[in-house]
Amino acid sequence: MNRFFDSTRSVSTLLGRVLIAILFVLSGWGKIAGYAGTQAYMQSAGVPGSLLPAVIVLELGGGLAIIAGLFTRPVALLLAGFSIVAALLFHGGSADQMQQIMFLKDLGLAGGFLFLVANGAGALSIDRLLERAMPVSAKA
């Protein structure tokens, strides 16, 4: 059974990266399309609307970087932190069941990103290509 999992590791890791990151790509794109509404929502939660461009860059750029497997560990760490902060600011402390689910979803995403921090992007990634292209003396 281990051989099966070992043989599918590369594809599973790639699919996992795509599935965890696509939410951020779509969300970042949606924030561009609904900029004013998103800014108002952020301000209603006590978050300065002036942070919206940084949020868009993190979600859209970070999501695309995770999908490509580029700078995976640092980007995943940023997205894990972002997910935890978003959970606390926008969904924490509510008695509403949907908000509780959204809170747990954000924490689950943070957990997935922490797996990427711990394990890297895998074989099918730009990180791996860069690692292979790096001279041996630079790796030490």
C-alpha atoms as a PDB file:
ATOM      1  CA  MET A   1       0.000   0.000   0.000  1.00  0.00           C
ATOM      2  CA  ASN A   2       2.890   2.378   0.719  1.00  0.00           C
ATOM      3  CA  ARG A   3       4.084   2.076  -2.881  1.00  0.00           C
ATOM      4  CA  PHE A   4       0.755   3.404  -4.099  1.00  0.00           C
ATOM      5  CA  PHE A   5       0.985   6.480  -1.877  1.00  0.00           C
ATOM      6  CA  ASP A   6       4.656   6.997  -2.703  1.00  0.00           C
ATOM      7  CA  SER A   7       3.897   6.821  -6.427  1.00  0.00           C
ATOM      8  CA  THR A   8       1.095   9.390  -6.173  1.00  0.00           C
ATOM      9  CA  ARG A   9       2.924  11.793  -3.821  1.00  0.00           C
ATOM     10  CA  SER A  10       3.956  14.300  -6.503  1.00  0.00           C
ATOM     11  CA  VAL A  11       0.524  14.554  -8.085  1.00  0.00           C
ATOM     12  CA  SER A  12      -1.245  14.574  -4.704  1.00  0.00           C
ATOM     13  CA  THR A  13       0.972  17.398  -3.479  1.00  0.00           C
ATOM     14  CA  LEU A  14       0.329  19.426  -6.630  1.00  0.00           C
ATOM     15  CA  LEU A  15      -3.443  18.874  -6.408  1.00  0.00           C
ATOM     16  CA  GLY A  16      -3.376  19.754  -2.721  1.00  0.00           C
ATOM     17  CA  ARG A  17      -1.578  23.021  -3.479  1.00  0.00           C
ATOM     18  CA  VAL A  18      -4.095  23.879  -6.209  1.00  0.00           C
ATOM     19  CA  LEU A  19      -7.108  23.051  -4.045  1.00  0.00           C
ATOM     20  CA  ILE A  20      -5.935  25.031  -1.037  1.00  0.00           C
ATOM     21  CA  ALA A  21      -4.804  28.040  -3.077  1.00  0.00           C
ATOM     22  CA  ILE A  22      -7.624  28.397  -5.604  1.00  0.00           C
ATOM     23  CA  LEU A  23      -9.872  29.873  -2.915  1.00  0.00           C
ATOM     24  CA  PHE A  24      -7.351  32.678  -2.397  1.00  0.00           C
ATOM     25  CA  VAL A  25      -6.911  33.334  -6.122  1.00  0.00           C
ATOM     26  CA  LEU A  26     -10.666  33.604  -6.633  1.00  0.00           C
ATOM     27  CA  SER A  27     -11.115  35.647  -3.482  1.00  0.00           C
ATOM     28  CA  GLY A  28      -8.365  38.098  -4.455  1.00  0.00           C
ATOM     29  CA  TRP A  29      -9.867  38.479  -7.919  1.00  0.00           C
ATOM     30  CA  GLY A  30     -13.320  38.984  -6.403  1.00  0.00           C
ATOM     31  CA  LYS A  31     -11.981  41.729  -4.160  1.00  0.00           C
ATOM     32  CA  ILE A  32     -10.749  43.583  -7.244  1.00  0.00           C
ATOM     33  CA  ALA A  33     -14.152  43.232  -8.901  1.00  0.00           C
ATOM     34  CA  GLY A  34     -16.017  44.322  -5.765  1.00  0.00           C
ATOM     35  CA  TYR A  35     -13.437  46.726  -4.407  1.00  0.00           C
ATOM     36  CA  ALA A  36     -15.756  49.297  -2.784  1.00  0.00           C
ATOM     37  CA  GLY A  37     -17.967  46.663  -1.161  1.00  0.00           C
ATOM     38  CA  THR A  38     -14.990  44.749   0.188  1.00  0.00           C
ATOM     39  CA  GLN A  39     -13.446  47.935   1.549  1.00  0.00           C
ATOM     40  CA  ALA A  40     -16.712  48.796   3.331  1.00  0.00           C
ATOM     41  CA  TYR A  41     -16.948  45.267   4.774  1.00  0.00           C
ATOM     42  CA  MET A  42     -13.387  45.484   6.088  1.00  0.00           C
ATOM     43  CA  GLN A  43     -14.098  48.851   7.700  1.00  0.00           C
ATOM     44  CA  SER A  44     -17.281  47.490   9.301  1.00  0.00           C
ATOM     45  CA  ALA A  45     -15.097  44.878  11.011  1.00  0.00           C
ATOM     46  CA  GLY A  46     -12.683  47.550  12.248  1.00  0.00           C
ATOM     47  CA  VAL A  47     -10.011  46.826   9.626  1.00  0.00           C
ATOM     48  CA  PRO A  48      -8.703  49.853   7.706  1.00  0.00           C
ATOM     49  CA  GLY A  49      -9.907  49.767   4.102  1.00  0.00           C
ATOM     50  CA  SER A  50      -6.493  51.079   3.069  1.00  0.00           C
ATOM     51  CA  LEU A  51      -5.157  47.549   3.668  1.00  0.00           C
ATOM     52  CA  LEU A  52      -7.242  46.155   0.818  1.00  0.00           C
ATOM     53  CA  PRO A  53      -4.487  46.410  -1.849  1.00  0.00           C
ATOM     54  CA  ALA A  54      -2.135  44.414   0.391  1.00  0.00           C
ATOM     55  CA  VAL A  55      -4.862  41.821   0.991  1.00  0.00           C
ATOM     56  CA  ILE A  56      -5.450  41.495  -2.753  1.00  0.00           C
ATOM     57  CA  VAL A  57      -1.727  41.075  -3.456  1.00  0.00           C
ATOM     58  CA  LEU A  58      -1.418  38.468  -0.702  1.00  0.00           C
ATOM     59  CA  GLU A  59      -4.478  36.490  -1.746  1.00  0.00           C
ATOM     60  CA  LEU A  60      -4.045  36.674  -5.516  1.00  0.00           C
ATOM     61  CA  GLY A  61      -0.252  36.664  -5.678  1.00  0.00           C
ATOM     62  CA  GLY A  62       0.161  34.264  -2.777  1.00  0.00           C
ATOM     63  CA  GLY A  63      -2.430  31.886  -4.177  1.00  0.00           C
ATOM     64  CA  LEU A  64      -0.758  31.851  -7.589  1.00  0.00           C
ATOM     65  CA  ALA A  65       2.659  31.332  -5.973  1.00  0.00           C
ATOM     66  CA  ILE A  66       1.350  28.334  -4.002  1.00  0.00           C
ATOM     67  CA  ILE A  67      -0.195  26.818  -7.129  1.00  0.00           C
ATOM     68  CA  ALA A  68       3.085  27.241  -9.017  1.00  0.00           C
ATOM     69  CA  GLY A  69       5.108  26.056  -6.047  1.00  0.00           C
ATOM     70  CA  LEU A  70       7.177  29.252  -5.976  1.00  0.00           C
ATOM     71  CA  PHE A  71       8.632  30.395  -2.632  1.00  0.00           C
ATOM     72  CA  THR A  72       6.157  27.953  -1.155  1.00  0.00           C
ATOM     73  CA  ARG A  73       7.322  27.849   2.446  1.00  0.00           C
ATOM     74  CA  PRO A  74       7.451  31.614   3.135  1.00  0.00           C
ATOM     75  CA  VAL A  75       4.268  32.309   1.150  1.00  0.00           C
ATOM     76  CA  ALA A  76       2.440  29.478   2.930  1.00  0.00           C
ATOM     77  CA  LEU A  77       3.557  30.893   6.284  1.00  0.00           C
ATOM     78  CA  LEU A  78       2.151  34.318   5.323  1.00  0.00           C
ATOM     79  CA  LEU A  79      -1.125  32.776   4.153  1.00  0.00           C
ATOM     80  CA  ALA A  80      -1.402  30.682   7.338  1.00  0.00           C
ATOM     81  CA  GLY A  81      -1.008  33.804   9.442  1.00  0.00           C
ATOM     82  CA  PHE A  82      -3.434  35.714   7.231  1.00  0.00           C
ATOM     83  CA  SER A  83      -6.014  32.917   7.566  1.00  0.00           C
ATOM     84  CA  ILE A  84      -5.767  32.935  11.355  1.00  0.00           C
ATOM     85  CA  VAL A  85      -6.062  36.726  11.551  1.00  0.00           C
ATOM     86  CA  ALA A  86      -9.019  36.700   9.126  1.00  0.00           C
ATOM     87  CA  ALA A  87     -10.718  33.978  11.188  1.00  0.00           C
ATOM     88  CA  LEU A  88     -10.359  36.005  14.374  1.00  0.00           C
ATOM     89  CA  LEU A  89     -11.303  39.388  12.893  1.00  0.00           C
ATOM     90  CA  PHE A  90     -14.202  38.393  10.676  1.00  0.00           C
ATOM     91  CA  HIS A  91     -15.635  35.175  12.108  1.00  0.00           C
ATOM     92  CA  GLY A  92     -14.483  34.805  15.715  1.00  0.00           C
ATOM     93  CA  GLY A  93     -16.740  35.090  18.711  1.00  0.00           C
ATOM     94  CA  SER A  94     -20.035  34.812  16.852  1.00  0.00           C
ATOM     95  CA  ALA A  95     -22.912  32.621  17.980  1.00  0.00           C
ATOM     96  CA  ASP A  96     -24.018  32.312  14.334  1.00  0.00           C
ATOM     97  CA  GLN A  97     -23.376  28.758  13.134  1.00  0.00           C
ATOM     98  CA  MET A  98     -22.313  29.905   9.643  1.00  0.00           C
ATOM     99  CA  GLN A  99     -19.717  32.256  11.148  1.00  0.00           C
ATOM    100  CA  GLN A 100     -18.433  29.421  13.329  1.00  0.00           C
ATOM    101  CA  ILE A 101     -18.065  27.241  10.227  1.00  0.00           C
ATOM    102  CA  MET A 102     -16.221  30.050   8.422  1.00  0.00           C
ATOM    103  CA  PHE A 103     -13.968  30.428  11.482  1.00  0.00           C
ATOM    104  CA  LEU A 104     -13.096  26.733  11.416  1.00  0.00           C
ATOM    105  CA  LYS A 105     -12.642  26.819   7.618  1.00  0.00           C
ATOM    106  CA  ASP A 106     -10.050  29.568   7.984  1.00  0.00           C
ATOM    107  CA  LEU A 107      -8.263  27.618  10.715  1.00  0.00           C
ATOM    108  CA  GLY A 108      -8.317  24.510   8.513  1.00  0.00           C
ATOM    109  CA  LEU A 109      -6.756  26.496   5.668  1.00  0.00           C
ATOM    110  CA  ALA A 110      -4.069  27.712   8.061  1.00  0.00           C
ATOM    111  CA  GLY A 111      -3.395  24.092   8.965  1.00  0.00           C
ATOM    112  CA  GLY A 112      -3.043  23.150   5.313  1.00  0.00           C
ATOM    113  CA  PHE A 113      -0.617  26.008   4.747  1.00  0.00           C
ATOM    114  CA  LEU A 114       1.412  24.910   7.767  1.00  0.00           C
ATOM    115  CA  PHE A 115       1.724  21.479   6.140  1.00  0.00           C
ATOM    116  CA  LEU A 116       3.249  23.251   3.142  1.00  0.00           C
ATOM    117  CA  VAL A 117       5.600  25.159   5.437  1.00  0.00           C
ATOM    118  CA  ALA A 118       6.743  21.878   6.969  1.00  0.00           C
ATOM    119  CA  ASN A 119       6.947  19.795   3.790  1.00  0.00           C
ATOM    120  CA  GLY A 120       7.505  22.210   0.908  1.00  0.00           C
ATOM    121  CA  ALA A 121       5.892  22.243  -2.503  1.00  0.00           C
ATOM    122  CA  GLY A 122       6.953  18.799  -3.664  1.00  0.00           C
ATOM    123  CA  ALA A 123       8.478  17.540  -6.889  1.00  0.00           C
ATOM    124  CA  LEU A 124       6.106  19.289  -9.310  1.00  0.00           C
ATOM    125  CA  SER A 125       7.016  22.855  -8.388  1.00  0.00           C
ATOM    126  CA  ILE A 126       9.127  25.802  -9.406  1.00  0.00           C
ATOM    127  CA  ASP A 127      10.845  25.534  -6.015  1.00  0.00           C
ATOM    128  CA  ARG A 128      12.119  22.071  -6.977  1.00  0.00           C
ATOM    129  CA  LEU A 129      13.331  23.323 -10.372  1.00  0.00           C
ATOM    130  CA  LEU A 130      15.198  26.168  -8.697  1.00  0.00           C
ATOM    131  CA  GLU A 131      16.650  23.778  -6.140  1.00  0.00           C
ATOM    132  CA  ARG A 132      17.966  21.507  -8.893  1.00  0.00           C
ATOM    133  CA  ALA A 133      19.413  24.451 -10.840  1.00  0.00           C
ATOM    134  CA  MET A 134      21.259  25.799  -7.790  1.00  0.00           C
ATOM    135  CA  PRO A 135      24.984  24.977  -7.763  1.00  0.00           C
ATOM    136  CA  VAL A 136      26.045  22.484  -5.094  1.00  0.00           C
ATOM    137  CA  SER A 137      28.255  25.107  -3.385  1.00  0.00           C
ATOM    138  CA  ALA A 138      25.241  27.431  -2.930  1.00  0.00           C
ATOM    139  CA  LYS A 139      23.191  24.668  -1.257  1.00  0.00           C
ATOM    140  CA  ALA A 140      25.622  24.163   1.601  1.00  0.00           C
END
